[in-house]
């Protein structure tokens, strides 16, 4: 419940203050959001399966975001930033859809 309250408060603060992302960080924000969504869907799946562990969720969340941002940074340094960004989004997207399918099966038993 605390996580939901924190999420709602974070969304409200973001809507009220409308923060600007510095141009240097703009290429990394979409990748970080997709990585965070992957961890979120994984956490929901684990909760529905009864194996949720808060330490695993937090480390998964932080490591997903950091590793995804580092991959995009590395791609930018190598001159293949857009290709590596696409690869990260595809891999994380597959994981998100896989977790979403598991969530659907757990909720609807189908």
N, C-alpha and C. Protein backbone atom coordinates (compact mmCIF):
# COMPACT_ATOMS: atom_id res chain seq x y z
N UNK A 1 0.82 -1.19 0.00
CA UNK A 1 0.00 0.00 0.00
C UNK A 1 0.86 1.26 0.00
N UNK A 2 1.99 1.19 0.69
CA UNK A 2 2.88 2.35 0.74
C UNK A 2 3.41 2.67 -0.65
N UNK A 3 3.70 1.64 -1.43
CA UNK A 3 4.21 1.86 -2.79
C UNK A 3 3.18 2.56 -3.66
N UNK A 4 1.92 2.18 -3.52
CA UNK A 4 0.85 2.81 -4.31
C UNK A 4 0.70 4.28 -3.92
N UNK A 5 0.75 4.54 -2.63
CA UNK A 5 0.66 5.93 -2.16
C UNK A 5 1.84 6.74 -2.70
N UNK A 6 3.04 6.15 -2.64
CA UNK A 6 4.22 6.83 -3.17
C UNK A 6 4.11 7.09 -4.66
N UNK A 7 3.56 6.13 -5.39
CA UNK A 7 3.36 6.30 -6.83
C UNK A 7 2.39 7.44 -7.13
N UNK A 8 1.28 7.45 -6.42
CA UNK A 8 0.28 8.50 -6.62
C UNK A 8 0.86 9.86 -6.27
N UNK A 9 1.57 9.94 -5.14
CA UNK A 9 2.18 11.22 -4.75
C UNK A 9 3.22 11.66 -5.78
N UNK A 10 4.02 10.73 -6.28
CA UNK A 10 5.01 11.07 -7.30
C UNK A 10 4.38 11.59 -8.58
N UNK A 11 3.29 10.97 -8.99
CA UNK A 11 2.58 11.45 -10.19
C UNK A 11 2.02 12.84 -9.97
N UNK A 12 1.40 13.05 -8.81
CA UNK A 12 0.83 14.37 -8.50
C UNK A 12 1.91 15.45 -8.44
N UNK A 13 3.02 15.16 -7.80
CA UNK A 13 4.12 16.14 -7.73
C UNK A 13 4.63 16.43 -9.14
N UNK A 14 4.77 15.41 -9.97
CA UNK A 14 5.22 15.62 -11.35
C UNK A 14 4.25 16.47 -12.15
N UNK A 15 2.95 16.25 -11.94
CA UNK A 15 1.95 17.05 -12.67
C UNK A 15 1.90 18.49 -12.19
N UNK A 16 2.07 18.68 -10.89
CA UNK A 16 1.98 20.04 -10.33
C UNK A 16 3.22 20.86 -10.69
N UNK A 17 4.41 20.29 -10.52
CA UNK A 17 5.63 21.05 -10.73
C UNK A 17 6.17 20.96 -12.15
N UNK A 18 5.72 20.00 -12.93
CA UNK A 18 6.12 19.84 -14.33
C UNK A 18 7.62 20.05 -14.53
N UNK A 19 8.43 19.14 -13.99
CA UNK A 19 9.89 19.33 -14.09
C UNK A 19 10.39 19.15 -15.52
N UNK A 20 11.44 19.90 -15.84
CA UNK A 20 12.08 19.78 -17.15
C UNK A 20 13.26 18.83 -17.04
N UNK A 21 13.39 17.97 -18.02
CA UNK A 21 14.52 17.04 -18.07
C UNK A 21 15.65 17.74 -18.83
N UNK A 22 16.84 17.79 -18.25
CA UNK A 22 17.96 18.43 -18.97
C UNK A 22 18.22 17.71 -20.30
N UNK A 23 18.58 18.46 -21.32
CA UNK A 23 18.80 17.84 -22.63
C UNK A 23 19.81 16.70 -22.62
N UNK A 24 20.80 16.74 -21.74
CA UNK A 24 21.79 15.68 -21.68
C UNK A 24 21.18 14.35 -21.25
N UNK A 25 20.10 14.39 -20.47
CA UNK A 25 19.47 13.17 -19.96
C UNK A 25 18.28 12.71 -20.79
N UNK A 26 17.85 13.50 -21.76
CA UNK A 26 16.66 13.16 -22.52
C UNK A 26 16.74 11.83 -23.27
N UNK A 27 17.88 11.43 -23.82
CA UNK A 27 17.92 10.13 -24.50
C UNK A 27 17.77 8.95 -23.54
N UNK A 28 18.08 9.17 -22.27
CA UNK A 28 18.07 8.08 -21.29
C UNK A 28 16.72 7.91 -20.60
N UNK A 29 15.91 8.95 -20.58
CA UNK A 29 14.64 8.90 -19.85
C UNK A 29 13.69 7.83 -20.37
N UNK A 30 13.44 7.74 -21.69
CA UNK A 30 12.51 6.69 -22.15
C UNK A 30 13.01 5.28 -21.83
N UNK A 31 14.31 5.07 -21.92
CA UNK A 31 14.87 3.76 -21.62
C UNK A 31 14.72 3.46 -20.14
N UNK A 32 14.95 4.45 -19.30
CA UNK A 32 14.80 4.26 -17.85
C UNK A 32 13.35 3.97 -17.49
N UNK A 33 12.41 4.62 -18.16
CA UNK A 33 10.99 4.38 -17.88
C UNK A 33 10.61 2.95 -18.29
N UNK A 34 11.07 2.51 -19.44
CA UNK A 34 10.77 1.14 -19.89
C UNK A 34 11.39 0.12 -18.94
N UNK A 35 12.61 0.39 -18.49
CA UNK A 35 13.26 -0.51 -17.53
C UNK A 35 12.50 -0.54 -16.21
N UNK A 36 12.03 0.61 -15.76
CA UNK A 36 11.25 0.67 -14.53
C UNK A 36 9.92 -0.07 -14.69
N UNK A 37 9.28 0.06 -15.84
CA UNK A 37 8.04 -0.67 -16.09
C UNK A 37 8.27 -2.17 -16.09
N UNK A 38 9.40 -2.60 -16.61
CA UNK A 38 9.74 -4.03 -16.58
C UNK A 38 9.81 -4.53 -15.14
N UNK A 39 10.49 -3.78 -14.29
CA UNK A 39 10.59 -4.18 -12.88
C UNK A 39 9.23 -4.14 -12.21
N UNK A 40 8.41 -3.15 -12.54
CA UNK A 40 7.08 -3.04 -11.94
C UNK A 40 6.20 -4.23 -12.32
N UNK A 41 6.19 -4.58 -13.60
CA UNK A 41 5.39 -5.72 -14.03
C UNK A 41 5.92 -7.02 -13.43
N UNK A 42 7.23 -7.13 -13.30
CA UNK A 42 7.81 -8.30 -12.65
C UNK A 42 7.41 -8.39 -11.19
N UNK A 43 7.34 -7.25 -10.51
CA UNK A 43 6.90 -7.22 -9.12
C UNK A 43 5.44 -7.61 -8.96
N UNK A 44 4.60 -7.12 -9.85
CA UNK A 44 3.18 -7.49 -9.80
C UNK A 44 3.02 -8.98 -10.05
N UNK A 45 3.76 -9.49 -11.02
CA UNK A 45 3.71 -10.94 -11.31
C UNK A 45 4.14 -11.75 -10.10
N UNK A 46 5.24 -11.34 -9.47
CA UNK A 46 5.73 -12.06 -8.30
C UNK A 46 4.72 -12.00 -7.15
N UNK A 47 4.07 -10.87 -6.98
CA UNK A 47 3.05 -10.73 -5.93
C UNK A 47 1.89 -11.69 -6.18
N UNK A 48 1.44 -11.76 -7.43
CA UNK A 48 0.33 -12.65 -7.75
C UNK A 48 0.71 -14.12 -7.61
N UNK A 49 2.00 -14.43 -7.82
CA UNK A 49 2.46 -15.81 -7.67
C UNK A 49 2.83 -16.13 -6.22
N UNK A 50 2.78 -15.12 -5.36
CA UNK A 50 3.06 -15.33 -3.95
C UNK A 50 4.54 -15.45 -3.61
N UNK A 51 5.41 -14.96 -4.48
CA UNK A 51 6.85 -15.05 -4.23
C UNK A 51 7.52 -13.67 -4.19
N UNK A 52 6.73 -12.63 -3.95
CA UNK A 52 7.27 -11.27 -3.95
C UNK A 52 8.23 -11.07 -2.79
N UNK A 53 9.36 -10.44 -3.08
CA UNK A 53 10.35 -10.09 -2.08
C UNK A 53 10.74 -8.64 -2.32
N UNK A 54 10.56 -7.79 -1.31
CA UNK A 54 10.82 -6.37 -1.52
C UNK A 54 12.27 -6.06 -1.87
N UNK A 55 13.21 -6.80 -1.32
CA UNK A 55 14.62 -6.58 -1.65
C UNK A 55 14.91 -6.94 -3.11
N UNK A 56 14.33 -8.01 -3.56
CA UNK A 56 14.51 -8.40 -4.96
C UNK A 56 13.89 -7.35 -5.87
N UNK A 57 12.72 -6.84 -5.50
CA UNK A 57 12.06 -5.82 -6.32
C UNK A 57 12.90 -4.55 -6.41
N UNK A 58 13.38 -4.06 -5.27
CA UNK A 58 14.16 -2.81 -5.26
C UNK A 58 15.45 -2.98 -6.05
N UNK A 59 16.16 -4.10 -5.83
CA UNK A 59 17.41 -4.29 -6.57
C UNK A 59 17.14 -4.50 -8.06
N UNK A 60 16.06 -5.18 -8.39
CA UNK A 60 15.69 -5.35 -9.80
C UNK A 60 15.36 -4.01 -10.43
N UNK A 61 14.58 -3.21 -9.73
CA UNK A 61 14.19 -1.89 -10.23
C UNK A 61 15.42 -1.03 -10.49
N UNK A 62 16.27 -0.91 -9.49
CA UNK A 62 17.44 -0.04 -9.63
C UNK A 62 18.43 -0.58 -10.65
N UNK A 63 18.69 -1.88 -10.62
CA UNK A 63 19.66 -2.43 -11.56
C UNK A 63 19.14 -2.37 -13.00
N UNK A 64 17.85 -2.60 -13.22
CA UNK A 64 17.30 -2.48 -14.57
C UNK A 64 17.50 -1.08 -15.12
N UNK A 65 17.20 -0.08 -14.32
CA UNK A 65 17.31 1.30 -14.77
C UNK A 65 18.77 1.66 -15.03
N UNK A 66 19.66 1.29 -14.12
CA UNK A 66 21.08 1.63 -14.28
C UNK A 66 21.69 0.90 -15.47
N UNK A 67 21.43 -0.39 -15.60
CA UNK A 67 22.01 -1.15 -16.71
C UNK A 67 21.47 -0.64 -18.05
N UNK A 68 20.19 -0.36 -18.13
CA UNK A 68 19.62 0.14 -19.38
C UNK A 68 20.23 1.50 -19.74
N UNK A 69 20.37 2.38 -18.76
CA UNK A 69 20.97 3.69 -19.03
C UNK A 69 22.44 3.55 -19.44
N UNK A 70 23.16 2.63 -18.79
CA UNK A 70 24.56 2.42 -19.16
C UNK A 70 24.69 1.86 -20.58
N UNK A 71 23.78 0.98 -20.97
CA UNK A 71 23.81 0.45 -22.33
C UNK A 71 23.58 1.55 -23.36
N UNK A 72 22.64 2.43 -23.07
CA UNK A 72 22.37 3.54 -24.00
C UNK A 72 23.57 4.48 -24.03
N UNK A 73 24.16 4.75 -22.87
CA UNK A 73 25.36 5.60 -22.83
C UNK A 73 26.49 4.97 -23.64
N UNK A 74 26.71 3.68 -23.45
CA UNK A 74 27.74 2.98 -24.20
C UNK A 74 27.47 3.05 -25.70
N UNK A 75 26.21 2.86 -26.07
CA UNK A 75 25.85 2.97 -27.48
C UNK A 75 26.11 4.35 -28.04
N UNK A 76 25.84 5.38 -27.25
CA UNK A 76 26.13 6.75 -27.69
C UNK A 76 27.63 6.95 -27.88
N UNK A 77 28.42 6.41 -26.96
CA UNK A 77 29.88 6.55 -27.05
C UNK A 77 30.44 5.81 -28.26
N UNK A 78 29.82 4.68 -28.62
CA UNK A 78 30.27 3.90 -29.77
C UNK A 78 29.69 4.39 -31.09
N UNK A 79 28.75 5.32 -31.02
CA UNK A 79 28.13 5.84 -32.23
C UNK A 79 26.97 5.01 -32.74
N UNK A 80 26.48 4.10 -31.92
CA UNK A 80 25.34 3.26 -32.31
C UNK A 80 24.21 3.39 -31.28
N UNK A 81 24.04 4.59 -30.77
CA UNK A 81 23.08 4.83 -29.69
C UNK A 81 21.67 4.44 -30.03
N UNK A 82 21.20 4.78 -31.22
CA UNK A 82 19.81 4.48 -31.55
C UNK A 82 19.59 2.98 -31.70
N UNK A 83 20.56 2.27 -32.28
CA UNK A 83 20.42 0.83 -32.44
C UNK A 83 20.42 0.12 -31.09
N UNK A 84 21.31 0.53 -30.21
CA UNK A 84 21.38 -0.10 -28.89
C UNK A 84 20.14 0.26 -28.06
N UNK A 85 19.65 1.48 -28.20
CA UNK A 85 18.41 1.88 -27.51
C UNK A 85 17.25 1.01 -27.98
N UNK A 86 17.18 0.78 -29.29
CA UNK A 86 16.13 -0.06 -29.83
C UNK A 86 16.24 -1.48 -29.29
N UNK A 87 17.45 -2.00 -29.21
CA UNK A 87 17.64 -3.35 -28.69
C UNK A 87 17.20 -3.45 -27.24
N UNK A 88 17.52 -2.44 -26.43
CA UNK A 88 17.12 -2.44 -25.02
C UNK A 88 15.61 -2.40 -24.91
N UNK A 89 14.96 -1.55 -25.70
CA UNK A 89 13.50 -1.44 -25.65
C UNK A 89 12.85 -2.75 -26.10
N UNK A 90 13.40 -3.39 -27.12
CA UNK A 90 12.83 -4.66 -27.59
C UNK A 90 12.94 -5.73 -26.51
N UNK A 91 14.11 -5.87 -25.92
CA UNK A 91 14.31 -6.90 -24.89
C UNK A 91 13.40 -6.64 -23.68
N UNK A 92 13.39 -5.40 -23.20
CA UNK A 92 12.55 -5.09 -22.05
C UNK A 92 11.06 -5.18 -22.42
N UNK A 93 10.73 -4.81 -23.64
CA UNK A 93 9.34 -4.93 -24.09
C UNK A 93 8.88 -6.38 -24.10
N UNK A 94 9.74 -7.28 -24.54
CA UNK A 94 9.39 -8.70 -24.52
C UNK A 94 9.15 -9.17 -23.10
N UNK A 95 10.01 -8.72 -22.19
CA UNK A 95 9.84 -9.10 -20.77
C UNK A 95 8.54 -8.52 -20.19
N UNK A 96 8.23 -7.28 -20.56
CA UNK A 96 7.00 -6.65 -20.06
C UNK A 96 5.79 -7.43 -20.55
N UNK A 97 5.76 -7.77 -21.84
CA UNK A 97 4.62 -8.51 -22.37
C UNK A 97 4.53 -9.91 -21.80
N UNK A 98 5.67 -10.53 -21.55
CA UNK A 98 5.67 -11.85 -20.91
C UNK A 98 5.09 -11.77 -19.50
N UNK A 99 5.53 -10.76 -18.74
CA UNK A 99 4.98 -10.58 -17.40
C UNK A 99 3.50 -10.22 -17.45
N UNK A 100 3.10 -9.40 -18.42
CA UNK A 100 1.69 -9.04 -18.55
C UNK A 100 0.85 -10.28 -18.86
N UNK A 101 1.37 -11.18 -19.69
CA UNK A 101 0.64 -12.42 -19.98
C UNK A 101 0.51 -13.28 -18.73
N UNK A 102 1.56 -13.35 -17.94
CA UNK A 102 1.49 -14.12 -16.69
C UNK A 102 0.52 -13.51 -15.70
N UNK A 103 0.49 -12.18 -15.65
CA UNK A 103 -0.47 -11.48 -14.78
C UNK A 103 -1.89 -11.77 -15.24
N UNK A 104 -2.11 -11.71 -16.55
CA UNK A 104 -3.44 -12.01 -17.07
C UNK A 104 -3.87 -13.42 -16.73
N UNK A 105 -2.96 -14.37 -16.91
CA UNK A 105 -3.28 -15.76 -16.58
C UNK A 105 -3.57 -15.93 -15.09
N UNK A 106 -2.83 -15.23 -14.26
CA UNK A 106 -3.06 -15.34 -12.80
C UNK A 106 -4.38 -14.73 -12.38
N UNK A 107 -4.75 -13.64 -13.01
CA UNK A 107 -6.00 -12.95 -12.63
C UNK A 107 -7.21 -13.66 -13.20
N UNK A 108 -7.16 -13.99 -14.49
CA UNK A 108 -8.34 -14.56 -15.15
C UNK A 108 -8.32 -16.08 -15.24
N UNK A 109 -7.25 -16.69 -14.77
CA UNK A 109 -7.13 -18.16 -14.80
C UNK A 109 -7.31 -18.71 -16.22
N UNK A 110 -6.78 -17.93 -17.18
CA UNK A 110 -6.90 -18.36 -18.58
C UNK A 110 -5.61 -18.13 -19.33
